[in-house]
Amino acid sequence: ICGTHATRRHLNSAMKTAAGFTADYPSGAGEKIICLRNRHDL
């Protein structure tokens, strides 16, 4: 958990790389993804 979106983006980039995920977009190989908007229909 952090304070700002700038820190969030920096940490996410560093942590996903440390986890072995170097692609710019998800590959479905176990990355940690969070939903940002409600989609009640889904």
PDB file of all heavy atoms in Angstrom:
ATOM      1  N   ILE A   1       0.847  -1.182   0.000  1.00  0.00           N
ATOM      2  CA  ILE A   1       0.000   0.000   0.000  1.00  0.00           C
ATOM      3  C   ILE A   1       0.889   1.240   0.000  1.00  0.00           C
ATOM      4  O   ILE A   1       1.849   1.326   0.759  1.00  0.00           O
ATOM      5  CB  ILE A   1      -0.936   0.015   1.224  1.00  0.00           C
ATOM      6  CG1 ILE A   1      -1.887  -1.184   1.175  1.00  0.00           C
ATOM      7  CG2 ILE A   1      -1.725   1.316   1.302  1.00  0.00           C
ATOM      8  CD1 ILE A   1      -2.720  -1.358   2.442  1.00  0.00           C
ATOM      9  N   CYS A   2       0.558   2.208  -0.852  1.00  0.00           N
ATOM     10  CA  CYS A   2       1.319   3.445  -0.914  1.00  0.00           C
ATOM     11  C   CYS A   2       0.373   4.638  -0.940  1.00  0.00           C
ATOM     12  O   CYS A   2      -0.847   4.475  -0.838  1.00  0.00           O
ATOM     13  CB  CYS A   2       2.250   3.443  -2.140  1.00  0.00           C
ATOM     14  SG  CYS A   2       1.368   3.303  -3.721  1.00  0.00           S
ATOM     15  N   GLY A   3       0.948   5.845  -1.119  1.00  0.00           N
ATOM     16  CA  GLY A   3       0.135   7.048  -1.037  1.00  0.00           C
ATOM     17  C   GLY A   3      -0.305   7.611  -2.372  1.00  0.00           C
ATOM     18  O   GLY A   3      -1.461   7.954  -2.556  1.00  0.00           O
ATOM     19  N   THR A   4       0.627   7.720  -3.329  1.00  0.00           N
ATOM     20  CA  THR A   4       0.338   8.410  -4.575  1.00  0.00           C
ATOM     21  C   THR A   4       0.303   7.448  -5.755  1.00  0.00           C
ATOM     22  O   THR A   4       0.874   6.363  -5.722  1.00  0.00           O
ATOM     23  CB  THR A   4       1.404   9.486  -4.850  1.00  0.00           C
ATOM     24  OG1 THR A   4       2.664   8.846  -5.124  1.00  0.00           O
ATOM     25  CG2 THR A   4       1.561  10.427  -3.664  1.00  0.00           C
ATOM     26  N   HIS A   5      -0.360   7.899  -6.825  1.00  0.00           N
ATOM     27  CA  HIS A   5      -0.415   7.085  -8.035  1.00  0.00           C
ATOM     28  C   HIS A   5       0.952   6.990  -8.707  1.00  0.00           C
ATOM     29  O   HIS A   5       1.267   5.976  -9.334  1.00  0.00           O
ATOM     30  CB  HIS A   5      -1.444   7.649  -9.013  1.00  0.00           C
ATOM     31  CG  HIS A   5      -2.849   7.408  -8.591  1.00  0.00           C
ATOM     32  ND1 HIS A   5      -3.408   6.146  -8.541  1.00  0.00           N
ATOM     33  CD2 HIS A   5      -3.826   8.263  -8.173  1.00  0.00           C
ATOM     34  CE1 HIS A   5      -4.669   6.225  -8.126  1.00  0.00           C
ATOM     35  NE2 HIS A   5      -4.930   7.484  -7.896  1.00  0.00           N
ATOM     36  N   ALA A   6       1.770   8.040  -8.575  1.00  0.00           N
ATOM     37  CA  ALA A   6       3.116   7.982  -9.139  1.00  0.00           C
ATOM     38  C   ALA A   6       3.932   6.879  -8.471  1.00  0.00           C
ATOM     39  O   ALA A   6       4.624   6.098  -9.138  1.00  0.00           O
ATOM     40  CB  ALA A   6       3.809   9.337  -8.992  1.00  0.00           C
ATOM     41  N   THR A   7       3.856   6.796  -7.131  1.00  0.00           N
ATOM     42  CA  THR A   7       4.537   5.721  -6.411  1.00  0.00           C
ATOM     43  C   THR A   7       3.964   4.365  -6.792  1.00  0.00           C
ATOM     44  O   THR A   7       4.689   3.391  -6.964  1.00  0.00           O
ATOM     45  CB  THR A   7       4.418   5.944  -4.896  1.00  0.00           C
ATOM     46  OG1 THR A   7       4.966   7.212  -4.533  1.00  0.00           O
ATOM     47  CG2 THR A   7       5.143   4.849  -4.123  1.00  0.00           C
ATOM     48  N   ARG A   8       2.645   4.308  -6.901  1.00  0.00           N
ATOM     49  CA  ARG A   8       1.992   3.051  -7.280  1.00  0.00           C
ATOM     50  C   ARG A   8       2.519   2.533  -8.614  1.00  0.00           C
ATOM     51  O   ARG A   8       2.854   1.343  -8.740  1.00  0.00           O
ATOM     52  CB  ARG A   8       0.475   3.264  -7.358  1.00  0.00           C
ATOM     53  CG  ARG A   8      -0.300   2.062  -7.902  1.00  0.00           C
ATOM     54  CD  ARG A   8      -1.789   2.348  -7.986  1.00  0.00           C
ATOM     55  NE  ARG A   8      -2.100   3.399  -8.943  1.00  0.00           N
ATOM     56  CZ  ARG A   8      -2.277   3.209 -10.243  1.00  0.00           C
ATOM     57  NH1 ARG A   8      -2.157   1.992 -10.763  1.00  0.00           N
ATOM     58  NH2 ARG A   8      -2.560   4.225 -11.043  1.00  0.00           N
ATOM     59  N   ARG A   9       2.588   3.407  -9.616  1.00  0.00           N
ATOM     60  CA  ARG A   9       3.068   2.982 -10.926  1.00  0.00           C
ATOM     61  C   ARG A   9       4.525   2.534 -10.852  1.00  0.00           C
ATOM     62  O   ARG A   9       4.901   1.521 -11.463  1.00  0.00           O
ATOM     63  CB  ARG A   9       2.890   4.107 -11.941  1.00  0.00           C
ATOM     64  CG  ARG A   9       1.430   4.339 -12.335  1.00  0.00           C
ATOM     65  CD  ARG A   9       1.321   5.331 -13.477  1.00  0.00           C
ATOM     66  NE  ARG A   9       1.643   6.673 -13.052  1.00  0.00           N
ATOM     67  CZ  ARG A   9       0.754   7.556 -12.614  1.00  0.00           C
ATOM     68  NH1 ARG A   9      -0.526   7.235 -12.537  1.00  0.00           N
ATOM     69  NH2 ARG A   9       1.134   8.768 -12.249  1.00  0.00           N
ATOM     70  N   HIS A  10       5.356   3.277 -10.109  1.00  0.00           N
ATOM     71  CA  HIS A  10       6.765   2.916  -9.964  1.00  0.00           C
ATOM     72  C   HIS A  10       6.929   1.551  -9.293  1.00  0.00           C
ATOM     73  O   HIS A  10       7.685   0.697  -9.772  1.00  0.00           O
ATOM     74  CB  HIS A  10       7.490   3.995  -9.157  1.00  0.00           C
ATOM     75  CG  HIS A  10       8.869   3.611  -8.740  1.00  0.00           C
ATOM     76  ND1 HIS A  10       9.930   3.567  -9.620  1.00  0.00           N
ATOM     77  CD2 HIS A  10       9.360   3.221  -7.531  1.00  0.00           C
ATOM     78  CE1 HIS A  10      11.012   3.173  -8.967  1.00  0.00           C
ATOM     79  NE2 HIS A  10      10.700   2.953  -7.708  1.00  0.00           N
ATOM     80  N   LEU A  11       6.218   1.323  -8.194  1.00  0.00           N
ATOM     81  CA  LEU A  11       6.333   0.065  -7.471  1.00  0.00           C
ATOM     82  C   LEU A  11       5.792  -1.096  -8.291  1.00  0.00           C
ATOM     83  O   LEU A  11       6.371  -2.180  -8.314  1.00  0.00           O
ATOM     84  CB  LEU A  11       5.598   0.158  -6.133  1.00  0.00           C
ATOM     85  CG  LEU A  11       6.235   1.062  -5.060  1.00  0.00           C
ATOM     86  CD1 LEU A  11       5.321   1.146  -3.839  1.00  0.00           C
ATOM     87  CD2 LEU A  11       7.602   0.529  -4.644  1.00  0.00           C
ATOM     88  N   ASN A  12       4.682  -0.882  -8.966  1.00  0.00           N
ATOM     89  CA  ASN A  12       4.112  -1.956  -9.781  1.00  0.00           C
ATOM     90  C   ASN A  12       5.078  -2.393 -10.874  1.00  0.00           C
ATOM     91  O   ASN A  12       5.251  -3.591 -11.128  1.00  0.00           O
ATOM     92  CB  ASN A  12       2.785  -1.517 -10.396  1.00  0.00           C
ATOM     93  CG  ASN A  12       1.601  -1.810  -9.499  1.00  0.00           C
ATOM     94  OD1 ASN A  12       1.537  -2.850  -8.868  1.00  0.00           O
ATOM     95  ND2 ASN A  12       0.652  -0.894  -9.451  1.00  0.00           N
ATOM     96  N   SER A  13       5.692  -1.419 -11.543  1.00  0.00           N
ATOM     97  CA  SER A  13       6.636  -1.753 -12.603  1.00  0.00           C
ATOM     98  C   SER A  13       7.811  -2.551 -12.054  1.00  0.00           C
ATOM     99  O   SER A  13       8.236  -3.551 -12.641  1.00  0.00           O
ATOM    100  CB  SER A  13       7.130  -0.475 -13.292  1.00  0.00           C
ATOM    101  OG  SER A  13       6.068   0.202 -13.941  1.00  0.00           O
ATOM    102  N   ALA A  14       8.340  -2.110 -10.909  1.00  0.00           N
ATOM    103  CA  ALA A  14       9.492  -2.788 -10.313  1.00  0.00           C
ATOM    104  C   ALA A  14       9.123  -4.165  -9.781  1.00  0.00           C
ATOM    105  O   ALA A  14       9.869  -5.139  -9.948  1.00  0.00           O
ATOM    106  CB  ALA A  14      10.076  -1.920  -9.198  1.00  0.00           C
ATOM    107  N   MET A  15       7.963  -4.289  -9.142  1.00  0.00           N
ATOM    108  CA  MET A  15       7.579  -5.550  -8.513  1.00  0.00           C
ATOM    109  C   MET A  15       7.186  -6.608  -9.541  1.00  0.00           C
ATOM    110  O   MET A  15       7.509  -7.780  -9.383  1.00  0.00           O
ATOM    111  CB  MET A  15       6.446  -5.310  -7.518  1.00  0.00           C
ATOM    112  CG  MET A  15       6.880  -4.528  -6.277  1.00  0.00           C
ATOM    113  SD  MET A  15       5.501  -4.148  -5.165  1.00  0.00           S
ATOM    114  CE  MET A  15       5.096  -5.796  -4.569  1.00  0.00           C
ATOM    115  N   LYS A  16       6.488  -6.190 -10.603  1.00  0.00           N
ATOM    116  CA  LYS A  16       6.120  -7.184 -11.608  1.00  0.00           C
ATOM    117  C   LYS A  16       7.365  -7.709 -12.322  1.00  0.00           C
ATOM    118  O   LYS A  16       7.432  -8.886 -12.687  1.00  0.00           O
ATOM    119  CB  LYS A  16       5.107  -6.615 -12.594  1.00  0.00           C
ATOM    120  CG  LYS A  16       5.628  -5.723 -13.687  1.00  0.00           C
ATOM    121  CD  LYS A  16       4.541  -5.327 -14.648  1.00  0.00           C
ATOM    122  CE  LYS A  16       5.090  -4.495 -15.807  1.00  0.00           C
ATOM    123  NZ  LYS A  16       5.940  -5.322 -16.705  1.00  0.00           N
ATOM    124  N   THR A  17       8.346  -6.822 -12.541  1.00  0.00           N
ATOM    125  CA  THR A  17       9.596  -7.266 -13.140  1.00  0.00           C
ATOM    126  C   THR A  17      10.325  -8.233 -12.219  1.00  0.00           C
ATOM    127  O   THR A  17      10.850  -9.267 -12.655  1.00  0.00           O
ATOM    128  CB  THR A  17      10.494  -6.055 -13.462  1.00  0.00           C
ATOM    129  OG1 THR A  17       9.806  -5.183 -14.376  1.00  0.00           O
ATOM    130  CG2 THR A  17      11.808  -6.508 -14.077  1.00  0.00           C
ATOM    131  N   ALA A  18      10.345  -7.906 -10.913  1.00  0.00           N
ATOM    132  CA  ALA A  18      10.976  -8.794  -9.934  1.00  0.00           C
ATOM    133  C   ALA A  18      10.270 -10.148  -9.865  1.00  0.00           C
ATOM    134  O   ALA A  18      10.899 -11.172  -9.570  1.00  0.00           O
ATOM    135  CB  ALA A  18      10.987  -8.134  -8.552  1.00  0.00           C
ATOM    136  N   ALA A  19       8.977 -10.145 -10.158  1.00  0.00           N
ATOM    137  CA  ALA A  19       8.213 -11.392 -10.166  1.00  0.00           C
ATOM    138  C   ALA A  19       8.416 -12.195 -11.445  1.00  0.00           C
ATOM    139  O   ALA A  19       7.887 -13.308 -11.577  1.00  0.00           O
ATOM    140  CB  ALA A  19       6.727 -11.097  -9.975  1.00  0.00           C
ATOM    141  N   GLY A  20       9.170 -11.628 -12.404  1.00  0.00           N
ATOM    142  CA  GLY A  20       9.468 -12.335 -13.639  1.00  0.00           C
ATOM    143  C   GLY A  20       8.583 -11.995 -14.807  1.00  0.00           C
ATOM    144  O   GLY A  20       8.626 -12.658 -15.846  1.00  0.00           O
ATOM    145  N   PHE A  21       7.764 -10.927 -14.657  1.00  0.00           N
ATOM    146  CA  PHE A  21       6.861 -10.528 -15.740  1.00  0.00           C
ATOM    147  C   PHE A  21       7.396  -9.252 -16.376  1.00  0.00           C
ATOM    148  O   PHE A  21       7.254  -8.155 -15.825  1.00  0.00           O
ATOM    149  CB  PHE A  21       5.447 -10.321 -15.204  1.00  0.00           C
ATOM    150  CG  PHE A  21       4.897 -11.521 -14.480  1.00  0.00           C
ATOM    151  CD1 PHE A  21       4.584 -11.453 -13.130  1.00  0.00           C
ATOM    152  CD2 PHE A  21       4.723 -12.721 -15.141  1.00  0.00           C
ATOM    153  CE1 PHE A  21       4.086 -12.558 -12.462  1.00  0.00           C
ATOM    154  CE2 PHE A  21       4.226 -13.830 -14.478  1.00  0.00           C
ATOM    155  CZ  PHE A  21       3.909 -13.751 -13.138  1.00  0.00           C
ATOM    156  N   THR A  22       8.004  -9.361 -17.531  1.00  0.00           N
ATOM    157  CA  THR A  22       8.670  -8.229 -18.160  1.00  0.00           C
ATOM    158  C   THR A  22       7.847  -7.582 -19.265  1.00  0.00           C
ATOM    159  O   THR A  22       8.201  -6.517 -19.754  1.00  0.00           O
ATOM    160  CB  THR A  22      10.025  -8.675 -18.738  1.00  0.00           C
ATOM    161  OG1 THR A  22       9.815  -9.760 -19.659  1.00  0.00           O
ATOM    162  CG2 THR A  22      10.950  -9.149 -17.614  1.00  0.00           C
ATOM    163  N   ALA A  23       6.749  -8.198 -19.690  1.00  0.00           N
ATOM    164  CA  ALA A  23       5.923  -7.642 -20.761  1.00  0.00           C
ATOM    165  C   ALA A  23       5.168  -6.411 -20.264  1.00  0.00           C
ATOM    166  O   ALA A  23       4.910  -6.251 -19.065  1.00  0.00           O
ATOM    167  CB  ALA A  23       4.948  -8.684 -21.288  1.00  0.00           C
ATOM    168  N   ASP A  24       4.816  -5.537 -21.213  1.00  0.00           N
ATOM    169  CA  ASP A  24       4.082  -4.321 -20.860  1.00  0.00           C
ATOM    170  C   ASP A  24       2.622  -4.588 -20.517  1.00  0.00           C
ATOM    171  O   ASP A  24       1.976  -3.772 -19.863  1.00  0.00           O
ATOM    172  CB  ASP A  24       4.144  -3.303 -22.008  1.00  0.00           C
ATOM    173  CG  ASP A  24       5.549  -2.779 -22.256  1.00  0.00           C
ATOM    174  OD1 ASP A  24       6.379  -2.859 -21.334  1.00  0.00           O
ATOM    175  OD2 ASP A  24       5.813  -2.303 -23.372  1.00  0.00           O
ATOM    176  N   TYR A  25       2.119  -5.736 -20.990  1.00  0.00           N
ATOM    177  CA  TYR A  25       0.726  -6.082 -20.764  1.00  0.00           C
ATOM    178  C   TYR A  25       0.635  -7.473 -20.145  1.00  0.00           C
ATOM    179  O   TYR A  25       1.561  -8.279 -20.267  1.00  0.00           O
ATOM    180  CB  TYR A  25      -0.073  -6.037 -22.083  1.00  0.00           C
ATOM    181  CG  TYR A  25       0.046  -4.721 -22.801  1.00  0.00           C
ATOM    182  CD1 TYR A  25       0.907  -4.582 -23.881  1.00  0.00           C
ATOM    183  CD2 TYR A  25      -0.671  -3.626 -22.374  1.00  0.00           C
ATOM    184  CE1 TYR A  25       1.038  -3.371 -24.529  1.00  0.00           C
ATOM    185  CE2 TYR A  25      -0.549  -2.402 -23.015  1.00  0.00           C
ATOM    186  CZ  TYR A  25       0.305  -2.279 -24.087  1.00  0.00           C
ATOM    187  OH  TYR A  25       0.434  -1.068 -24.720  1.00  0.00           O
ATOM    188  N   PRO A  26      -0.484  -7.771 -19.480  1.00  0.00           N
ATOM    189  CA  PRO A  26      -0.635  -9.092 -18.863  1.00  0.00           C
ATOM    190  C   PRO A  26      -0.540 -10.216 -19.892  1.00  0.00           C
ATOM    191  O   PRO A  26      -0.983 -10.077 -21.035  1.00  0.00           O
ATOM    192  CB  PRO A  26      -2.035  -9.031 -18.240  1.00  0.00           C
ATOM    193  CG  PRO A  26      -2.333  -7.582 -18.076  1.00  0.00           C
ATOM    194  CD  PRO A  26      -1.656  -6.896 -19.220  1.00  0.00           C
ATOM    195  N   SER A  27       0.023 -11.335 -19.460  1.00  0.00           N
ATOM    196  CA  SER A  27       0.110 -12.515 -20.308  1.00  0.00           C
ATOM    197  C   SER A  27      -0.758 -13.661 -19.803  1.00  0.00           C
ATOM    198  O   SER A  27      -0.939 -14.659 -20.496  1.00  0.00           O
ATOM    199  CB  SER A  27       1.561 -12.992 -20.394  1.00  0.00           C
ATOM    200  OG  SER A  27       2.011 -13.443 -19.113  1.00  0.00           O
ATOM    201  N   GLY A  28      -1.283 -13.496 -18.586  1.00  0.00           N
ATOM    202  CA  GLY A  28      -2.087 -14.555 -18.002  1.00  0.00           C
ATOM    203  C   GLY A  28      -1.270 -15.608 -17.288  1.00  0.00           C
ATOM    204  O   GLY A  28      -1.763 -16.700 -16.996  1.00  0.00           O
ATOM    205  N   ALA A  29      -0.003 -15.297 -16.996  1.00  0.00           N
ATOM    206  CA  ALA A  29       0.890 -16.285 -16.394  1.00  0.00           C
ATOM    207  C   ALA A  29       0.937 -16.194 -14.874  1.00  0.00           C
ATOM    208  O   ALA A  29       1.815 -16.764 -14.245  1.00  0.00           O
ATOM    209  CB  ALA A  29       2.298 -16.113 -16.960  1.00  0.00           C
ATOM    210  N   GLY A  30      -0.002 -15.495 -14.271  1.00  0.00           N
ATOM    211  CA  GLY A  30      -0.031 -15.379 -12.823  1.00  0.00           C
ATOM    212  C   GLY A  30       0.211 -13.981 -12.290  1.00  0.00           C
ATOM    213  O   GLY A  30       0.443 -13.795 -11.085  1.00  0.00           O
ATOM    214  N   GLU A  31       0.162 -12.968 -13.188  1.00  0.00           N
ATOM    215  CA  GLU A  31       0.330 -11.594 -12.751  1.00  0.00           C
ATOM    216  C   GLU A  31      -0.803 -11.151 -11.812  1.00  0.00           C
ATOM    217  O   GLU A  31      -1.912 -11.677 -11.884  1.00  0.00           O
ATOM    218  CB  GLU A  31       0.360 -10.631 -13.943  1.00  0.00           C
ATOM    219  CG  GLU A  31       1.455 -10.910 -14.939  1.00  0.00           C
ATOM    220  CD  GLU A  31       0.934 -11.609 -16.165  1.00  0.00           C
ATOM    221  OE1 GLU A  31       0.060 -12.497 -16.010  1.00  0.00           O
ATOM    222  OE2 GLU A  31       1.367 -11.262 -17.263  1.00  0.00           O
ATOM    223  N   LYS A  32      -0.516 -10.176 -10.970  1.00  0.00           N
ATOM    224  CA  LYS A  32      -1.497  -9.640 -10.039  1.00  0.00           C
ATOM    225  C   LYS A  32      -2.200  -8.459 -10.692  1.00  0.00           C
ATOM    226  O   LYS A  32      -1.605  -7.414 -10.921  1.00  0.00           O
ATOM    227  CB  LYS A  32      -0.829  -9.222  -8.722  1.00  0.00           C
ATOM    228  CG  LYS A  32      -1.798  -8.942  -7.590  1.00  0.00           C
ATOM    229  CD  LYS A  32      -1.060  -8.769  -6.280  1.00  0.00           C
ATOM    230  CE  LYS A  32      -2.031  -8.619  -5.111  1.00  0.00           C
ATOM    231  NZ  LYS A  32      -1.313  -8.504  -3.802  1.00  0.00           N
ATOM    232  N   ILE A  33      -3.491  -8.615 -10.966  1.00  0.00           N
ATOM    233  CA  ILE A  33      -4.288  -7.627 -11.683  1.00  0.00           C
ATOM    234  C   ILE A  33      -5.428  -7.178 -10.786  1.00  0.00           C
ATOM    235  O   ILE A  33      -6.057  -8.003 -10.116  1.00  0.00           O
ATOM    236  CB  ILE A  33      -4.862  -8.209 -13.002  1.00  0.00           C
ATOM    237  CG1 ILE A  33      -3.776  -8.877 -13.831  1.00  0.00           C
ATOM    238  CG2 ILE A  33      -5.580  -7.122 -13.798  1.00  0.00           C
ATOM    239  CD1 ILE A  33      -2.690  -7.958 -14.298  1.00  0.00           C
ATOM    240  N   ILE A  34      -5.719  -5.874 -10.793  1.00  0.00           N
ATOM    241  CA  ILE A  34      -6.818  -5.346  -9.995  1.00  0.00           C
ATOM    242  C   ILE A  34      -7.809  -4.615 -10.893  1.00  0.00           C
ATOM    243  O   ILE A  34      -7.434  -3.918 -11.835  1.00  0.00           O
ATOM    244  CB  ILE A  34      -6.301  -4.401  -8.873  1.00  0.00           C
ATOM    245  CG1 ILE A  34      -7.434  -4.031  -7.907  1.00  0.00           C
ATOM    246  CG2 ILE A  34      -5.628  -3.158  -9.454  1.00  0.00           C
ATOM    247  CD1 ILE A  34      -6.951  -3.307  -6.654  1.00  0.00           C
ATOM    248  N   CYS A  35      -9.085  -4.800 -10.617  1.00  0.00           N
ATOM    249  CA  CYS A  35     -10.160  -4.122 -11.335  1.00  0.00           C
ATOM    250  C   CYS A  35     -10.285  -2.682 -10.821  1.00  0.00           C
ATOM    251  O   CYS A  35     -10.278  -2.454  -9.603  1.00  0.00           O
ATOM    252  CB  CYS A  35     -11.469  -4.881 -11.142  1.00  0.00           C
ATOM    253  SG  CYS A  35     -12.888  -4.192 -12.006  1.00  0.00           S
ATOM    254  N   LEU A  36     -10.411  -1.712 -11.737  1.00  0.00           N
ATOM    255  CA  LEU A  36     -10.448  -0.304 -11.364  1.00  0.00           C
ATOM    256  C   LEU A  36     -11.832   0.326 -11.447  1.00  0.00           C
ATOM    257  O   LEU A  36     -12.017   1.437 -10.954  1.00  0.00           O
ATOM    258  CB  LEU A  36      -9.490   0.495 -12.253  1.00  0.00           C
ATOM    259  CG  LEU A  36      -8.010   0.118 -12.188  1.00  0.00           C
ATOM    260  CD1 LEU A  36      -7.201   1.028 -13.110  1.00  0.00           C
ATOM    261  CD2 LEU A  36      -7.482   0.216 -10.763  1.00  0.00           C
ATOM    262  N   ARG A  37     -12.766  -0.343 -12.078  1.00  0.00           N
ATOM    263  CA  ARG A  37     -14.128   0.188 -12.215  1.00  0.00           C
ATOM    264  C   ARG A  37     -15.123  -0.953 -12.049  1.00  0.00           C
ATOM    265  O   ARG A  37     -14.869  -2.076 -12.446  1.00  0.00           O
ATOM    266  CB  ARG A  37     -14.344   0.851 -13.584  1.00  0.00           C
ATOM    267  CG  ARG A  37     -13.498   2.067 -13.866  1.00  0.00           C
ATOM    268  CD  ARG A  37     -13.964   3.273 -13.068  1.00  0.00           C
ATOM    269  NE  ARG A  37     -13.242   4.473 -13.448  1.00  0.00           N
ATOM    270  CZ  ARG A  37     -12.092   4.851 -12.942  1.00  0.00           C
ATOM    271  NH1 ARG A  37     -11.487   4.089 -12.033  1.00  0.00           N
ATOM    272  NH2 ARG A  37     -11.501   5.972 -13.326  1.00  0.00           N
ATOM    273  N   ASN A  38     -16.275  -0.643 -11.465  1.00  0.00           N
ATOM    274  CA  ASN A  38     -17.326  -1.649 -11.336  1.00  0.00           C
ATOM    275  C   ASN A  38     -17.843  -2.076 -12.707  1.00  0.00           C
ATOM    276  O   ASN A  38     -18.038  -1.245 -13.608  1.00  0.00           O
ATOM    277  CB  ASN A  38     -18.502  -1.113 -10.521  1.00  0.00           C
ATOM    278  CG  ASN A  38     -18.165  -0.911  -9.065  1.00  0.00           C
ATOM    279  OD1 ASN A  38     -17.336  -1.605  -8.495  1.00  0.00           O
ATOM    280  ND2 ASN A  38     -18.837   0.039  -8.415  1.00  0.00           N
ATOM    281  N   ARG A  39     -18.069  -3.364 -12.886  1.00  0.00           N
ATOM    282  CA  ARG A  39     -18.792  -3.922 -14.020  1.00  0.00           C
ATOM    283  C   ARG A  39     -19.794  -4.907 -13.460  1.00  0.00           C
ATOM    284  O   ARG A  39     -19.569  -6.110 -13.434  1.00  0.00           O
ATOM    285  CB  ARG A  39     -17.838  -4.597 -15.007  1.00  0.00           C
ATOM    286  CG  ARG A  39     -17.084  -3.658 -15.913  1.00  0.00           C
ATOM    287  CD  ARG A  39     -18.012  -2.974 -16.934  1.00  0.00           C
ATOM    288  NE  ARG A  39     -18.758  -3.925 -17.747  1.00  0.00           N
ATOM    289  CZ  ARG A  39     -18.311  -4.418 -18.900  1.00  0.00           C
ATOM    290  NH1 ARG A  39     -17.121  -4.044 -19.376  1.00  0.00           N
ATOM    291  NH2 ARG A  39     -19.033  -5.276 -19.593  1.00  0.00           N
ATOM    292  N   HIS A  40     -20.910  -4.360 -12.986  1.00  0.00           N
ATOM    293  CA  HIS A  40     -21.902  -5.183 -12.312  1.00  0.00           C
ATOM    294  C   HIS A  40     -22.489  -6.239 -13.235  1.00  0.00           C
ATOM    295  O   HIS A  40     -22.913  -7.298 -12.781  1.00  0.00           O
ATOM    296  CB  HIS A  40     -23.007  -4.296 -11.727  1.00  0.00           C
ATOM    297  CG  HIS A  40     -22.538  -3.387 -10.631  1.00  0.00           C
ATOM    298  ND1 HIS A  40     -22.029  -3.869  -9.443  1.00  0.00           N
ATOM    299  CD2 HIS A  40     -22.490  -2.040 -10.543  1.00  0.00           C
ATOM    300  CE1 HIS A  40     -21.700  -2.851  -8.668  1.00  0.00           C
ATOM    301  NE2 HIS A  40     -21.955  -1.726  -9.318  1.00  0.00           N
ATOM    302  N   ASP A  41     -22.507  -5.943 -14.546  1.00  0.00           N
ATOM    303  CA  ASP A  41     -23.039  -6.916 -15.488  1.00  0.00           C
ATOM    304  C   ASP A  41     -22.170  -8.172 -15.569  1.00  0.00           C
ATOM    305  O   ASP A  41     -22.641  -9.243 -15.943  1.00  0.00           O
ATOM    306  CB  ASP A  41     -23.174  -6.287 -16.875  1.00  0.00           C
ATOM    307  CG  ASP A  41     -21.852  -5.731 -17.397  1.00  0.00           C
ATOM    308  OD1 ASP A  41     -21.083  -5.156 -16.603  1.00  0.00           O
ATOM    309  OD2 ASP A  41     -21.595  -5.865 -18.617  1.00  0.00           O
ATOM    310  N   LEU A  42     -20.888  -8.048 -15.190  1.00  0.00           N
ATOM    311  CA  LEU A  42     -19.969  -9.173 -15.204  1.00  0.00           C
ATOM    312  C   LEU A  42     -19.635  -9.691 -13.810  1.00  0.00           C
ATOM    313  O   LEU A  42     -18.865 -10.647 -13.666  1.00  0.00           O
ATOM    314  CB  LEU A  42     -18.669  -8.779 -15.911  1.00  0.00           C
ATOM    315  CG  LEU A  42     -18.782  -8.306 -17.361  1.00  0.00           C
ATOM    316  CD1 LEU A  42     -17.423  -7.861 -17.880  1.00  0.00           C
ATOM    317  CD2 LEU A  42     -19.355  -9.408 -18.239  1.00  0.00           C
TER     318      LEU A  42
END
